[in-house]
Each structure stands twice: as structure tokens, then as C-alpha cells.
Amino acid sequence: MMLTMSTVAPVALRAGCRLIPLLILVAAFALPAGRGAAAPTVPDTVSWEEGIEYSTPEGESLKLNLARPKSGEGPFPAVICIHGGGFRAGTRDGYDQLCVRLAERGYVAATISYRLAPKHRFPAAVHDTKAAVRWLRAHAADYRIDPERIGVTGGSAGGHLAQFLGVTAHVPRFEGDGGNPGQSSAVACVVNVYGPSDFTKSYGKSVDAHEVLPLWFGGNLDTHRDLHIQGSPLAWVTPDAAPTLCIHGTEDAYVAHEQAEWLIDKLKGATVEAELLTLQGAGHGFKGADAEKADAALFEFFERRLKPQR
């Protein structure tokens, strides 16, 4: 399950399965600019920090990379970026360059690591993303962040986790114990890039749902339907949900475009402001003009939602 702005393909398949040709992996999971071992290109106007620990659930150190403007008094709006990888793979550095680009535009931006399946099942990753939001609020003064203006984005599995933050701000069971319990995990807005919204309808519509979801939920739809429902953002939409922009391609073989349509319709039905950017012919992992359109929409949405309108 996975944007040019975020994701990483799983590199290990179940034992006994044939290796998928590298060409197919590259086509399905396009890597973002700045992705990989190379450090991001950081201009003189941006301050860059790597490996900041934000939570230690069960003794596991979770870290984030953070970019922020060097000049200006702030407080600045913030954006959290959540990588994809089917809940079982991926690393935070896939969003390093996007964080730098956001910092150039006047945001404090963080890309985070979170616990992965199959070792860590739902809702561990949800707990971690909420801990990251709380950490930003707890350290708002240190990084000149406006705690009332925190947005979130992610692609594929990261899009799902971003959306989950947007619809479960007031659901105690998903908070976890990742630190800073006195802070809110609510976000002001969401940019969801081809993230799934209803896992009960993923099987048969996604080329890898039958592999990915049983690892994250501990079983398939037949044995763990309750968790598939609980893990679906569509099940938690209320009028309190955060304003949302979904970006999705019509030819996505990993997360069907209809998943975005269902979510946007339900958000609008709950009187939540919601928008859908449909990219005709685009698949999972935007490239070229599609990636440019997605980036432009993301920046424009955060500009409207997180910065005071003059």
C-alpha cells in the first residue's frame, strides 16, 4: 500500500513467494526526490536536525528528522510527514526533502519513524503518530511552533495514518502511552495521498492487501473483521474531523481510487470541509507532471489551512 513525496516499497516478501522483479517494484512504488542514503539538500535559510527521539514505546527509540526556518520569530505552523510502506516497511528519510521544502515556505516540518508490522500490530503505529503530535506540542516553545496550527500528510500507509489522526482526535483508546499525555494529538488539517479508508473493502481491490493487512491486524477479514473496521478511518468520521485533502490516481492498483471517494463523501456528509484531487491515469507512486500537481496541491492546501489569511 503507498507519492513521490513519501514512500518506500517493501523489499522483503513472505517466505516461499517468488521475488517480484525490480522493475515492477520501481513502477509501483516510485521513490521520492531526496530519498535514500544521501542527505537532503538544505539551503542556508533552513535549519536541519536528524535523529531526534520523540517516544520510547516498550523501550524502542522512535525518532524524527526536523526542518525549520532559520529566520523569523514565529511561531510557525508545523507539518508532520508519515512515510508509507504497507505498515511493514519504509523509513522516515523518504520525506526529508519535503520537510526542507516546507521549511523554505515557513513551516516547521518533521518526518517520523513508527513501529512496523508484523512485530508491531495495529494500533501501535497509530499510537506512535499521536505521540509525535503530542511531542511537537510539548516542544512548541523550543522550535517556535504554533501548537494550534499542526497539519499532517502521508502517502499510502502513511496517508492512512495521517487520516486516522484527522478523525480520532477525541478517541482515548488510540492515544497510547508514548509520552506527553497532557498534550492533545489533534491536527488542524490532513493531506492524505492515496491512503486507504475502508479495509473491509480492500481485499480483491488491492494487489497486496491479502499480504499486508493480515500482518498488521494479525489475521484476515474472516478472522479479524472487527480490527479491520476499527482500523478504517471511514468508521471514525464525525463533524469534529479535520479538514482534508485527498490526492489519488484513477489507476492505483494498491489502493483503489474509490477509497478516497468514500472518505470525501462521508466527511462532507458530516459537514467537514473536504476536497479530492483526482489524477487521471495515475497509479501508486506519482511521477512527472502528476507529482508536480500533487506537490502544488499539498503546498496550496497547507497555505490556506495553516497560515493566517491576509
Protein backbone atom coordinates (compact mmCIF):
# COMPACT_ATOMS: atom_id res chain seq x y z
CA MET A 1 0.00 0.00 0.00
CA MET A 2 1.96 3.88 -0.93
CA LEU A 3 3.83 9.66 -3.51
CA THR A 4 6.66 10.95 -4.85
CA MET A 5 6.67 12.86 -1.59
CA SER A 6 6.87 9.86 0.68
CA THR A 7 7.08 6.21 0.22
CA VAL A 8 9.20 3.13 0.28
CA ALA A 9 8.35 -0.26 -1.21
CA PRO A 10 8.55 -3.37 0.87
CA VAL A 11 11.77 -5.18 -0.01
CA ALA A 12 11.05 -8.48 1.66
CA LEU A 13 8.22 -10.80 0.66
CA ARG A 14 6.75 -13.72 2.52
CA ALA A 15 8.94 -16.82 2.62
CA GLY A 16 8.25 -19.09 -0.30
CA CYS A 17 6.92 -16.36 -2.58
CA ARG A 18 8.63 -15.56 -5.86
CA LEU A 19 10.70 -12.39 -5.90
CA ILE A 20 8.90 -9.62 -7.71
CA PRO A 21 11.06 -8.20 -10.48
CA LEU A 22 12.75 -4.97 -9.53
CA LEU A 23 11.16 -3.21 -12.49
CA ILE A 24 7.68 -3.88 -11.10
CA LEU A 25 8.65 -2.62 -7.67
CA VAL A 26 10.05 0.59 -9.09
CA ALA A 27 6.96 1.16 -11.22
CA ALA A 28 4.58 0.58 -8.35
CA PHE A 29 6.47 2.44 -5.65
CA ALA A 30 8.21 5.45 -7.19
CA LEU A 31 10.88 6.78 -4.86
CA PRO A 32 10.76 10.46 -3.87
CA ALA A 33 13.31 13.07 -4.68
CA GLY A 34 15.92 13.11 -1.95
CA ARG A 35 15.12 9.54 -0.92
CA GLY A 36 17.89 7.16 0.06
CA ALA A 37 21.27 7.34 1.84
CA ALA A 38 22.12 10.81 0.55
CA ALA A 39 21.32 13.66 2.91
CA PRO A 40 18.75 16.19 1.75
CA THR A 41 19.84 19.37 0.07
CA VAL A 42 19.46 22.00 2.78
CA PRO A 43 19.67 25.70 1.87
CA ASP A 44 21.21 28.29 4.18
CA THR A 45 17.73 29.51 5.14
CA VAL A 46 16.77 26.18 6.75
CA SER A 47 17.90 24.55 9.98
CA TRP A 48 18.06 20.72 9.75
CA GLU A 49 18.24 18.18 12.60
CA GLU A 50 18.21 14.39 12.37
CA GLY A 51 17.50 11.59 14.81
CA ILE A 52 15.57 13.45 17.49
CA GLU A 53 13.95 10.94 19.85
CA TYR A 54 10.26 11.65 20.37
CA SER A 55 8.98 8.48 22.05
CA THR A 56 10.21 5.17 23.54
CA PRO A 57 7.27 2.73 23.50
CA GLU A 58 8.25 -0.61 25.04
CA GLY A 59 11.83 0.62 25.12
CA GLU A 60 12.03 1.18 21.34
CA SER A 61 13.53 4.52 20.39
CA LEU A 62 11.40 6.36 17.84
CA LYS A 63 12.99 9.32 16.12
CA LEU A 64 12.18 12.16 13.79
CA ASN A 65 14.04 14.47 11.43
CA LEU A 66 13.11 18.13 11.60
CA ALA A 67 13.46 21.16 9.33
CA ARG A 68 12.63 24.73 10.30
CA PRO A 69 13.19 28.26 9.08
CA LYS A 70 16.33 29.95 10.39
CA SER A 71 14.85 33.44 10.21
CA GLY A 72 11.58 34.81 11.51
CA GLU A 73 10.27 35.00 15.03
CA GLY A 74 7.42 32.56 14.61
CA PRO A 75 5.53 30.86 15.96
CA PHE A 76 5.40 28.82 12.76
CA PRO A 77 2.78 26.33 11.62
CA ALA A 78 4.01 22.72 11.62
CA VAL A 79 3.55 19.69 9.38
CA ILE A 80 4.21 16.05 10.29
CA CYS A 81 5.08 13.73 7.38
CA ILE A 82 4.37 9.99 7.69
CA HIS A 83 6.08 7.53 5.33
CA GLY A 84 4.38 4.63 3.59
CA GLY A 85 5.45 1.03 3.10
CA GLY A 86 2.41 -1.13 3.78
CA PHE A 87 2.69 -0.74 7.57
CA ARG A 88 5.65 -3.15 7.43
CA ALA A 89 8.46 -1.23 5.72
CA GLY A 90 9.73 2.24 4.87
CA THR A 91 11.84 4.85 6.63
CA ARG A 92 11.33 8.45 7.63
CA ASP A 93 14.08 9.80 5.35
CA GLY A 94 11.78 9.38 2.35
CA TYR A 95 10.23 12.68 3.40
CA ASP A 96 13.45 14.55 4.25
CA GLN A 97 13.39 16.73 1.15
CA LEU A 98 9.70 17.54 1.50
CA CYS A 99 10.39 18.72 5.05
CA VAL A 100 13.12 21.02 3.75
CA ARG A 101 10.79 22.37 1.07
CA LEU A 102 8.14 23.04 3.70
CA ALA A 103 10.67 24.81 5.94
CA GLU A 104 11.57 27.06 3.00
CA ARG A 105 7.90 28.02 2.92
CA GLY A 106 7.73 28.94 6.60
CA TYR A 107 6.80 25.67 8.33
CA VAL A 108 8.43 23.52 10.96
CA ALA A 109 8.30 20.08 9.35
CA ALA A 110 9.07 16.69 10.85
CA THR A 111 9.28 13.24 9.27
CA ILE A 112 8.81 10.42 11.75
CA SER A 113 9.60 6.75 12.25
CA TYR A 114 6.96 4.47 13.74
CA ARG A 115 6.69 0.81 14.76
CA LEU A 116 6.14 -1.64 11.92
CA ALA A 117 4.33 -4.94 11.38
CA PRO A 118 4.48 -7.85 11.80
CA LYS A 119 6.34 -7.29 15.08
CA HIS A 120 4.05 -4.43 15.99
CA ARG A 121 0.40 -4.73 15.03
CA PHE A 122 -2.43 -2.23 14.90
CA PRO A 123 -2.79 0.14 16.71
CA ALA A 124 0.93 0.53 17.59
CA ALA A 125 1.65 2.78 14.60
CA VAL A 126 -1.40 4.88 15.43
CA HIS A 127 -0.13 5.32 18.99
CA ASP A 128 3.23 6.45 17.64
CA THR A 129 1.86 9.08 15.28
CA LYS A 130 -0.23 10.53 18.08
CA ALA A 131 2.83 10.59 20.32
CA ALA A 132 4.65 12.57 17.63
CA VAL A 133 1.90 15.21 17.53
CA ARG A 134 1.96 15.47 21.32
CA TRP A 135 5.77 15.78 21.27
CA LEU A 136 5.60 18.71 18.84
CA ARG A 137 3.13 20.48 21.10
CA ALA A 138 5.24 19.79 24.20
CA HIS A 139 8.28 21.29 22.42
CA ALA A 140 6.44 24.12 20.68
CA ALA A 141 8.44 26.81 22.50
CA ASP A 142 11.77 25.10 21.70
CA TYR A 143 11.10 25.06 17.95
CA ARG A 144 8.89 28.16 17.65
CA ILE A 145 5.81 26.13 16.70
CA ASP A 146 2.22 27.34 16.89
CA PRO A 147 0.52 24.40 18.66
CA GLU A 148 -2.84 25.34 17.18
CA ARG A 149 -1.57 25.01 13.60
CA ILE A 150 -0.24 21.48 13.15
CA GLY A 151 -1.05 19.66 9.92
CA VAL A 152 -0.17 16.17 8.75
CA THR A 153 0.48 14.37 5.48
CA GLY A 154 1.49 10.92 4.31
CA GLY A 155 1.34 8.54 1.37
CA SER A 156 -0.37 5.12 1.24
CA ALA A 157 0.02 3.57 4.70
CA GLY A 158 1.28 6.99 5.77
CA GLY A 159 -1.81 8.56 4.22
CA HIS A 160 -3.95 6.22 6.26
CA LEU A 161 -2.12 7.11 9.49
CA ALA A 162 -2.37 10.82 8.67
CA GLN A 163 -6.10 10.45 8.06
CA PHE A 164 -6.51 8.45 11.25
CA LEU A 165 -5.06 11.37 13.18
CA GLY A 166 -7.61 13.59 11.50
CA VAL A 167 -10.65 11.55 12.57
CA THR A 168 -9.71 10.19 16.03
CA ALA A 169 -8.55 13.22 18.00
CA HIS A 170 -11.06 12.51 20.75
CA VAL A 171 -10.86 8.71 20.92
CA PRO A 172 -8.86 7.80 24.07
CA ARG A 173 -8.19 4.17 23.07
CA PHE A 174 -5.84 5.30 20.30
CA GLU A 175 -3.65 7.65 22.37
CA GLY A 176 -1.23 5.03 23.68
CA ASP A 177 1.38 5.84 26.32
CA GLY A 178 4.11 7.34 24.13
CA GLY A 179 4.73 10.40 26.29
CA ASN A 180 3.42 13.92 26.92
CA PRO A 181 -0.06 12.76 27.95
CA GLY A 182 -1.09 16.29 28.85
CA GLN A 183 -0.88 17.39 25.22
CA SER A 184 -3.52 16.97 22.51
CA SER A 185 -2.95 14.74 19.49
CA ALA A 186 -5.45 16.68 17.35
CA VAL A 187 -4.33 18.04 13.99
CA ALA A 188 -5.66 21.07 12.16
CA CYS A 189 -5.76 19.51 8.69
CA VAL A 190 -4.77 16.46 6.64
CA VAL A 191 -3.31 15.85 3.19
CA ASN A 192 -3.97 12.18 2.51
CA VAL A 193 -2.10 10.82 -0.52
CA TYR A 194 -3.72 7.57 -1.70
CA GLY A 195 -4.29 6.26 1.81
CA PRO A 196 -6.94 3.56 2.34
CA SER A 197 -10.14 4.49 4.17
CA ASP A 198 -12.04 1.17 4.47
CA PHE A 199 -10.04 -2.01 4.97
CA THR A 200 -13.13 -4.19 4.83
CA LYS A 201 -13.30 -3.44 1.10
CA SER A 202 -9.58 -3.64 0.29
CA TYR A 203 -9.37 -7.37 -0.41
CA GLY A 204 -9.79 -8.12 -4.09
CA LYS A 205 -9.36 -4.44 -4.98
CA SER A 206 -5.69 -4.17 -3.98
CA VAL A 207 -2.86 -6.30 -5.36
CA ASP A 208 -1.23 -6.70 -1.95
CA ALA A 209 -3.99 -6.31 0.67
CA HIS A 210 -4.04 -10.08 1.20
CA GLU A 211 -0.36 -9.89 2.22
CA VAL A 212 -0.22 -6.58 4.04
CA LEU A 213 -3.37 -6.45 6.13
CA PRO A 214 -3.09 -9.85 7.88
CA LEU A 215 0.40 -8.84 9.03
CA TRP A 216 -0.87 -5.58 10.53
CA PHE A 217 -4.11 -6.87 12.01
CA GLY A 218 -2.92 -10.34 12.98
CA GLY A 219 -5.37 -12.05 10.64
CA ASN A 220 -7.52 -11.54 7.56
CA LEU A 221 -11.04 -10.23 7.16
CA ASP A 222 -12.56 -13.61 8.03
CA THR A 223 -10.79 -13.88 11.39
CA HIS A 224 -10.25 -10.23 12.37
CA ARG A 225 -13.10 -8.25 10.81
CA ASP A 226 -13.52 -6.20 13.98
CA LEU A 227 -9.96 -4.86 13.77
CA HIS A 228 -10.32 -4.12 10.05
CA ILE A 229 -13.33 -1.96 10.92
CA GLN A 230 -11.61 -0.30 13.90
CA GLY A 231 -8.58 0.48 11.74
CA SER A 232 -10.60 2.13 8.96
CA PRO A 233 -10.70 5.95 9.06
CA LEU A 234 -14.14 5.81 7.45
CA ALA A 235 -15.52 4.29 10.67
CA TRP A 236 -14.43 7.26 12.79
CA VAL A 237 -15.64 10.25 10.76
CA THR A 238 -17.56 12.80 12.84
CA PRO A 239 -18.25 16.54 12.48
CA ASP A 240 -15.09 17.07 14.58
CA ALA A 241 -12.80 15.57 11.92
CA ALA A 242 -10.02 17.74 10.50
CA PRO A 243 -10.40 19.38 7.08
CA THR A 244 -8.93 17.03 4.50
CA LEU A 245 -7.43 17.00 1.03
CA CYS A 246 -7.22 13.58 -0.63
CA ILE A 247 -4.94 13.11 -3.65
CA HIS A 248 -5.47 9.90 -5.58
CA GLY A 249 -4.88 8.43 -9.03
CA THR A 250 -7.56 6.63 -11.00
CA GLU A 251 -5.25 3.71 -11.92
CA ASP A 252 -3.99 2.91 -8.43
CA ALA A 253 -3.65 -0.88 -8.15
CA TYR A 254 -2.69 -0.81 -4.46
CA VAL A 255 -5.38 1.48 -3.03
CA ALA A 256 -8.44 1.89 -5.23
CA HIS A 257 -9.49 5.45 -6.11
CA GLU A 258 -12.94 4.73 -4.71
CA GLN A 259 -11.43 4.62 -1.21
CA ALA A 260 -10.82 8.37 -1.48
CA GLU A 261 -14.31 8.98 -2.88
CA TRP A 262 -15.94 7.18 0.05
CA LEU A 263 -13.92 9.17 2.56
CA ILE A 264 -14.57 12.56 0.98
CA ASP A 265 -18.30 11.83 0.71
CA LYS A 266 -18.52 10.83 4.37
CA LEU A 267 -16.54 13.83 5.54
CA LYS A 268 -18.77 16.16 3.57
CA GLY A 269 -21.83 14.37 4.93
CA ALA A 270 -20.54 15.15 8.42
CA THR A 271 -20.15 18.83 7.42
CA VAL A 272 -16.34 18.60 7.39
CA GLU A 273 -14.54 20.56 4.68
CA ALA A 274 -13.05 18.00 2.31
CA GLU A 275 -11.51 18.07 -1.16
CA LEU A 276 -10.45 15.39 -3.65
CA LEU A 277 -7.77 15.90 -6.29
CA THR A 278 -8.16 13.08 -8.81
CA LEU A 279 -5.20 12.45 -11.11
CA GLN A 280 -6.48 10.74 -14.23
CA GLY A 281 -4.39 7.74 -15.25
CA ALA A 282 -2.03 8.00 -12.27
CA GLY A 283 -1.04 4.94 -10.30
CA HIS A 284 0.54 4.34 -6.92
CA GLY A 285 3.64 6.50 -6.75
CA PHE A 286 3.26 9.74 -8.67
CA LYS A 287 5.77 10.75 -11.32
CA GLY A 288 6.46 13.72 -13.57
CA ALA A 289 3.50 16.06 -14.07
CA ASP A 290 1.36 14.07 -11.62
CA ALA A 291 3.96 14.51 -8.87
CA GLU A 292 4.15 18.23 -9.61
CA LYS A 293 0.36 18.59 -9.41
CA ALA A 294 0.27 16.66 -6.13
CA ASP A 295 3.06 18.78 -4.61
CA ALA A 296 1.40 22.03 -5.72
CA ALA A 297 -1.93 20.96 -4.23
CA LEU A 298 -0.30 19.97 -0.95
CA PHE A 299 1.50 23.29 -0.57
CA GLU A 300 -1.58 25.29 -1.52
CA PHE A 301 -3.79 23.38 0.92
CA PHE A 302 -1.42 23.86 3.86
CA GLU A 303 -1.03 27.54 2.93
CA ARG A 304 -4.80 28.02 3.17
CA ARG A 305 -5.30 25.91 6.28
CA LEU A 306 -2.27 26.66 8.41
CA LYS A 307 -1.34 30.24 7.66
CA PRO A 308 -3.35 33.34 8.63
CA GLN A 309 -5.19 34.75 5.65
CA ARG A 310 -4.32 38.37 4.95
